[in-house]
Amino acid sequence: MKTILASASLCFGILFMCVSFSTTGSSQIQVVGQTGPVVAKEGDDIILPCSLVPKGSVEDTIVEWTRSDLNTNKKVHLYKDGKDTVGDQIPGYMTRTSLFKEEMKTGNISLKLSGVKLSDTGNYTCRLPKENSQGTETTIRLIVDATTFLNIFRNDLIWNVTKVMPIVNGLLETGLIQKKVKSMISTAGTHQDQMRQLFQALDEGDVEMKSAFYSLLCKHEPDLTGKLGGLLRNNRKLEQKIKDLQGGVFPWSRWEVAVLIICLLALLAVG
């Protein structure tokens, strides 16, 4: 009888240890973020939410923010040894990213991204690389609305985009257009006709579709995208200069303002 009781006690002991280990494992640190995409307009300052569950300090932990959709080992943001590290940062994100340092002691590792660009659209992974437990990273999608860009350069895109079908195939692969739409575009004739058909689909699509189109455009038509992006930036600089002048930032007469605007337009045309 004693032997049976001893065996039973041993079994219960082993079972208790297994349950204890299982419970401990389920309470390990997890990194959680937003399930749906973060949608922004160009120029916005946005926050990509990310935090620890359960709450705990990450002030002495390595925190990485990366772009999982980019072919690079560099980081969007890296926090290491108690400070931000810029040596391994993607150049386009320098001076535009920050963490909430005062809230890191409670597990807040959200990323603030300032002056959002169209090229910022993508998948952002928040990671604690030193943690070995499951669930120490999460991915958040950022969608930057490309509607304004497409409206401004609609005709330029219709007449100059030649890689129409690779872009369409990319939209099809992500489920943003249907096969029948692809078929209509592919049989439209010239590149210009194909782009007109594609724009009909874009006009009916949502922000995510337009943003995905812009990303694919950057991939397949980088020279054209760079040129149009430069024109847009110059136009915005000109608009700001005109607003400053009209708002009385500079005490000039109307004819002086008019002459300056003409000169600025001429310089942009030459550039």
Protein backbone atom coordinates (compact mmCIF):
# COMPACT_ATOMS: atom_id res chain seq x y z
CA MET A 1 0.00 0.00 0.00
CA LYS A 2 2.84 2.38 0.88
CA THR A 3 4.43 1.59 -2.47
CA ILE A 4 1.21 2.52 -4.28
CA LEU A 5 0.91 5.79 -2.32
CA ALA A 6 4.55 6.64 -3.04
CA SER A 7 4.06 5.98 -6.75
CA ALA A 8 0.92 8.09 -6.77
CA SER A 9 2.71 10.93 -4.99
CA LEU A 10 5.53 10.75 -7.51
CA CYS A 11 3.09 10.88 -10.43
CA PHE A 12 1.24 13.86 -8.95
CA GLY A 13 4.57 15.57 -8.36
CA ILE A 14 5.66 15.10 -11.95
CA LEU A 15 2.23 16.26 -13.17
CA PHE A 16 2.47 19.38 -10.98
CA MET A 17 5.89 20.21 -12.40
CA CYS A 18 4.63 19.81 -15.96
CA VAL A 19 1.66 22.09 -15.28
CA SER A 20 3.95 24.62 -13.61
CA PHE A 21 6.33 24.68 -16.58
CA SER A 22 3.38 24.98 -18.97
CA THR A 23 1.92 27.90 -17.00
CA THR A 24 5.29 29.63 -16.83
CA GLY A 25 5.77 29.25 -20.58
CA SER A 26 2.37 30.76 -21.33
CA SER A 27 3.21 33.85 -19.26
CA GLN A 28 6.42 34.66 -21.10
CA ILE A 29 6.90 38.11 -22.57
CA GLN A 30 4.99 38.83 -25.76
CA VAL A 31 5.30 41.78 -28.11
CA VAL A 32 1.92 42.98 -29.33
CA GLY A 33 0.92 45.64 -31.82
CA GLN A 34 -2.06 46.83 -33.83
CA THR A 35 -3.88 44.13 -35.78
CA GLY A 36 -5.17 46.39 -38.55
CA PRO A 37 -3.06 48.71 -40.72
CA VAL A 38 -2.07 52.23 -39.72
CA VAL A 39 -3.30 54.60 -42.45
CA ALA A 40 -1.63 57.99 -42.92
CA LYS A 41 -1.34 60.89 -45.32
CA GLU A 42 1.96 62.14 -46.67
CA GLY A 43 3.54 64.57 -44.22
CA ASP A 44 1.74 63.20 -41.16
CA ASP A 45 3.45 62.31 -37.89
CA ILE A 46 2.24 58.85 -36.90
CA ILE A 47 2.73 56.22 -34.19
CA LEU A 48 3.22 52.52 -34.87
CA PRO A 49 1.92 50.97 -31.61
CA CYS A 50 3.93 48.21 -29.94
CA SER A 51 4.17 47.10 -26.30
CA LEU A 52 5.02 44.23 -23.97
CA VAL A 53 2.51 41.86 -22.38
CA PRO A 54 2.81 41.61 -19.45
CA LYS A 55 4.19 45.09 -18.88
CA GLY A 56 7.86 45.32 -18.03
CA SER A 57 10.83 47.62 -18.46
CA VAL A 58 12.76 47.52 -21.74
CA GLU A 59 15.17 50.32 -20.83
CA ASP A 60 18.08 47.84 -20.77
CA THR A 61 16.87 45.74 -23.70
CA ILE A 62 17.66 45.83 -27.42
CA VAL A 63 14.66 47.10 -29.40
CA GLU A 64 14.61 46.77 -33.19
CA TRP A 65 12.23 48.23 -35.73
CA THR A 66 12.77 46.85 -39.24
CA ARG A 67 11.07 46.86 -42.65
CA SER A 68 10.35 43.21 -43.40
CA ASP A 69 9.36 44.07 -46.97
CA LEU A 70 12.74 45.65 -47.81
CA ASN A 71 15.83 43.69 -48.83
CA THR A 72 18.17 45.21 -46.26
CA ASN A 73 19.78 44.34 -42.93
CA LYS A 74 19.66 47.96 -41.79
CA LYS A 75 17.08 49.10 -39.27
CA VAL A 76 14.26 51.60 -39.28
CA HIS A 77 15.21 52.25 -35.64
CA LEU A 78 17.61 50.57 -33.21
CA TYR A 79 17.73 51.08 -29.45
CA LYS A 80 20.76 49.47 -27.81
CA ASP A 81 22.80 49.96 -24.62
CA GLY A 82 20.24 52.42 -23.30
CA LYS A 83 20.34 54.75 -26.31
CA ASP A 84 19.34 55.12 -29.97
CA THR A 85 21.91 53.82 -32.46
CA VAL A 86 21.99 55.45 -35.90
CA GLY A 87 25.00 53.68 -37.42
CA ASP A 88 22.87 50.79 -38.65
CA GLN A 89 19.82 52.86 -39.60
CA ILE A 90 18.25 53.05 -43.06
CA PRO A 91 19.32 56.52 -44.33
CA GLY A 92 15.78 57.56 -45.29
CA TYR A 93 14.62 57.24 -41.68
CA MET A 94 17.39 59.24 -40.03
CA THR A 95 16.05 62.07 -37.81
CA ARG A 96 12.47 60.89 -38.41
CA THR A 97 12.11 58.08 -35.85
CA SER A 98 11.94 58.05 -32.06
CA LEU A 99 10.79 55.92 -29.13
CA PHE A 100 8.87 57.07 -26.07
CA LYS A 101 11.80 56.86 -23.65
CA GLU A 102 9.84 57.79 -20.52
CA GLU A 103 7.33 55.00 -21.19
CA MET A 104 9.84 52.24 -21.92
CA LYS A 105 9.89 51.35 -18.22
CA THR A 106 6.29 50.16 -18.62
CA GLY A 107 6.93 48.23 -21.84
CA ASN A 108 5.94 50.83 -24.43
CA ILE A 109 8.17 50.38 -27.51
CA SER A 110 5.92 52.18 -30.00
CA LEU A 111 7.68 54.00 -32.82
CA LYS A 112 6.96 57.61 -33.75
CA LEU A 113 7.58 58.31 -37.43
CA SER A 114 7.64 61.98 -38.44
CA GLY A 115 7.03 63.50 -41.87
CA VAL A 116 5.60 60.34 -43.43
CA LYS A 117 6.57 59.75 -47.07
CA LEU A 118 4.84 57.71 -49.76
CA SER A 119 7.83 55.37 -49.76
CA ASP A 120 7.22 54.62 -46.06
CA THR A 121 4.35 52.31 -47.00
CA GLY A 122 5.28 48.80 -45.91
CA ASN A 123 5.47 46.20 -43.15
CA TYR A 124 7.20 47.25 -39.93
CA THR A 125 8.42 44.59 -37.49
CA CYS A 126 8.90 45.44 -33.81
CA ARG A 127 11.31 42.96 -32.21
CA LEU A 128 13.20 42.19 -29.01
CA PRO A 129 16.08 40.13 -30.47
CA LYS A 130 17.52 39.08 -27.09
CA GLU A 131 14.33 37.36 -25.98
CA ASN A 132 14.11 33.67 -26.85
CA SER A 133 10.44 33.20 -25.96
CA GLN A 134 7.81 32.86 -28.63
CA GLY A 135 5.95 36.02 -29.58
CA THR A 136 8.76 38.55 -29.14
CA GLU A 137 8.00 40.31 -32.39
CA THR A 138 4.98 41.69 -34.17
CA THR A 139 4.45 43.23 -37.60
CA ILE A 140 2.36 46.33 -38.33
CA ARG A 141 1.42 47.54 -41.79
CA LEU A 142 1.67 51.23 -42.62
CA ILE A 143 -0.34 52.49 -45.57
CA VAL A 144 0.40 55.98 -46.87
CA ASP A 145 -2.38 57.40 -49.03
CA ALA A 146 -1.10 57.95 -52.58
CA THR A 147 -4.32 59.48 -53.93
CA THR A 148 -2.89 63.01 -54.29
CA PHE A 149 0.18 61.76 -56.17
CA LEU A 150 -1.96 59.73 -58.57
CA ASN A 151 -4.36 62.62 -59.19
CA ILE A 152 -1.56 65.11 -59.90
CA PHE A 153 0.45 62.84 -62.21
CA ARG A 154 -2.35 60.83 -63.79
CA ASN A 155 -1.56 61.89 -67.37
CA ASP A 156 2.20 61.57 -66.84
CA LEU A 157 1.72 58.01 -65.63
CA ILE A 158 -0.64 57.09 -68.45
CA TRP A 159 1.85 58.24 -71.08
CA ASN A 160 5.11 57.13 -69.50
CA VAL A 161 4.59 53.87 -67.60
CA THR A 162 5.70 50.89 -69.71
CA LYS A 163 5.87 48.12 -67.08
CA VAL A 164 2.10 47.99 -66.74
CA MET A 165 1.61 44.23 -66.52
CA PRO A 166 4.28 43.59 -63.84
CA ILE A 167 2.47 46.19 -61.72
CA VAL A 168 -0.89 44.56 -62.44
CA ASN A 169 0.51 41.13 -61.57
CA GLY A 170 1.72 42.52 -58.25
CA LEU A 171 -1.75 43.85 -57.46
CA LEU A 172 -3.24 40.49 -58.43
CA GLU A 173 -0.85 38.55 -56.18
CA THR A 174 -1.90 40.62 -53.17
CA GLY A 175 -5.59 40.18 -53.98
CA LEU A 176 -6.18 43.86 -54.70
CA ILE A 177 -7.54 43.26 -58.21
CA GLN A 178 -9.41 40.32 -59.72
CA LYS A 179 -8.35 38.14 -62.64
CA LYS A 180 -11.06 39.59 -64.89
CA VAL A 181 -9.65 43.08 -64.29
CA LYS A 182 -6.18 41.86 -65.20
CA SER A 183 -7.60 40.30 -68.36
CA MET A 184 -9.27 43.58 -69.36
CA ILE A 185 -6.03 45.50 -68.82
CA SER A 186 -3.81 42.99 -70.65
CA THR A 187 -6.03 43.05 -73.75
CA ALA A 188 -6.43 46.84 -73.81
CA GLY A 189 -3.77 47.37 -76.51
CA THR A 190 -1.02 49.95 -76.00
CA HIS A 191 0.65 50.76 -72.69
CA GLN A 192 -1.40 53.95 -72.59
CA ASP A 193 -4.66 52.02 -73.05
CA GLN A 194 -3.60 49.56 -70.36
CA MET A 195 -2.85 52.39 -67.94
CA ARG A 196 -6.25 53.98 -68.61
CA GLN A 197 -7.90 50.67 -67.75
CA LEU A 198 -5.74 50.34 -64.66
CA PHE A 199 -6.70 53.84 -63.53
CA GLN A 200 -10.37 52.90 -63.81
CA ALA A 201 -9.68 50.10 -61.34
CA LEU A 202 -7.65 52.43 -59.11
CA ASP A 203 -10.46 55.01 -59.08
CA GLU A 204 -12.80 52.33 -57.72
CA GLY A 205 -10.21 50.96 -55.29
CA ASP A 206 -9.42 51.91 -51.72
CA VAL A 207 -6.42 53.61 -50.11
CA GLU A 208 -4.57 50.30 -49.74
CA MET A 209 -4.84 49.58 -53.46
CA LYS A 210 -3.54 53.03 -54.43
CA SER A 211 -0.70 52.72 -51.94
CA ALA A 212 0.21 49.26 -53.26
CA PHE A 213 0.19 50.62 -56.82
CA TYR A 214 2.63 53.36 -55.82
CA SER A 215 4.96 50.83 -54.17
CA LEU A 216 4.92 48.64 -57.28
CA LEU A 217 5.47 51.72 -59.43
CA CYS A 218 8.60 52.55 -57.41
CA LYS A 219 9.82 48.97 -57.90
CA HIS A 220 9.23 48.70 -61.65
CA GLU A 221 9.57 52.35 -62.76
CA PRO A 222 12.13 53.84 -60.31
CA ASP A 223 13.42 56.55 -62.67
CA LEU A 224 9.95 57.84 -63.49
CA THR A 225 8.84 57.73 -59.86
CA GLY A 226 11.94 59.61 -58.76
CA LYS A 227 11.44 62.31 -61.38
CA LEU A 228 7.76 62.84 -60.54
CA GLY A 229 8.50 62.79 -56.82
CA GLY A 230 11.10 65.52 -57.34
CA LEU A 231 8.60 67.64 -59.23
CA LEU A 232 6.05 67.22 -56.45
CA ARG A 233 8.55 68.25 -53.78
CA ASN A 234 9.56 71.33 -55.80
CA ASN A 235 5.92 72.29 -56.31
CA ARG A 236 5.27 72.05 -52.59
CA LYS A 237 8.29 74.20 -51.83
CA LEU A 238 6.99 76.77 -54.29
CA GLU A 239 3.51 76.66 -52.75
CA GLN A 240 5.00 77.27 -49.31
CA LYS A 241 7.08 80.19 -50.59
CA ILE A 242 3.97 81.72 -52.15
CA LYS A 243 1.99 81.25 -48.91
CA ASP A 244 4.79 82.88 -46.93
CA LEU A 245 4.85 85.83 -49.29
CA GLN A 246 1.07 86.22 -49.40
CA GLY A 247 0.86 85.86 -45.63
CA GLY A 248 3.12 88.84 -45.08
CA VAL A 249 6.17 86.97 -43.87
CA PHE A 250 8.20 89.26 -46.10
CA PRO A 251 7.17 92.96 -46.39
CA TRP A 252 7.27 93.13 -50.19
CA SER A 253 4.92 94.87 -52.58
CA ARG A 254 2.58 92.90 -54.86
CA TRP A 255 4.65 93.51 -57.99
CA GLU A 256 7.79 92.30 -56.21
CA VAL A 257 5.97 89.14 -55.16
CA ALA A 258 4.73 88.62 -58.73
CA VAL A 259 8.24 89.00 -60.16
CA LEU A 260 9.64 86.57 -57.60
CA ILE A 261 6.96 83.97 -58.37
CA ILE A 262 7.72 84.24 -62.11
CA CYS A 263 11.43 83.78 -61.40
CA LEU A 264 10.76 80.75 -59.20
CA LEU A 265 8.57 79.17 -61.87
CA ALA A 266 11.27 79.80 -64.46
CA LEU A 267 13.91 78.17 -62.26
CA LEU A 268 11.71 75.12 -61.71
CA ALA A 269 11.07 74.85 -65.44
CA VAL A 270 14.80 74.94 -66.18
CA GLY A 271 15.54 72.41 -63.39
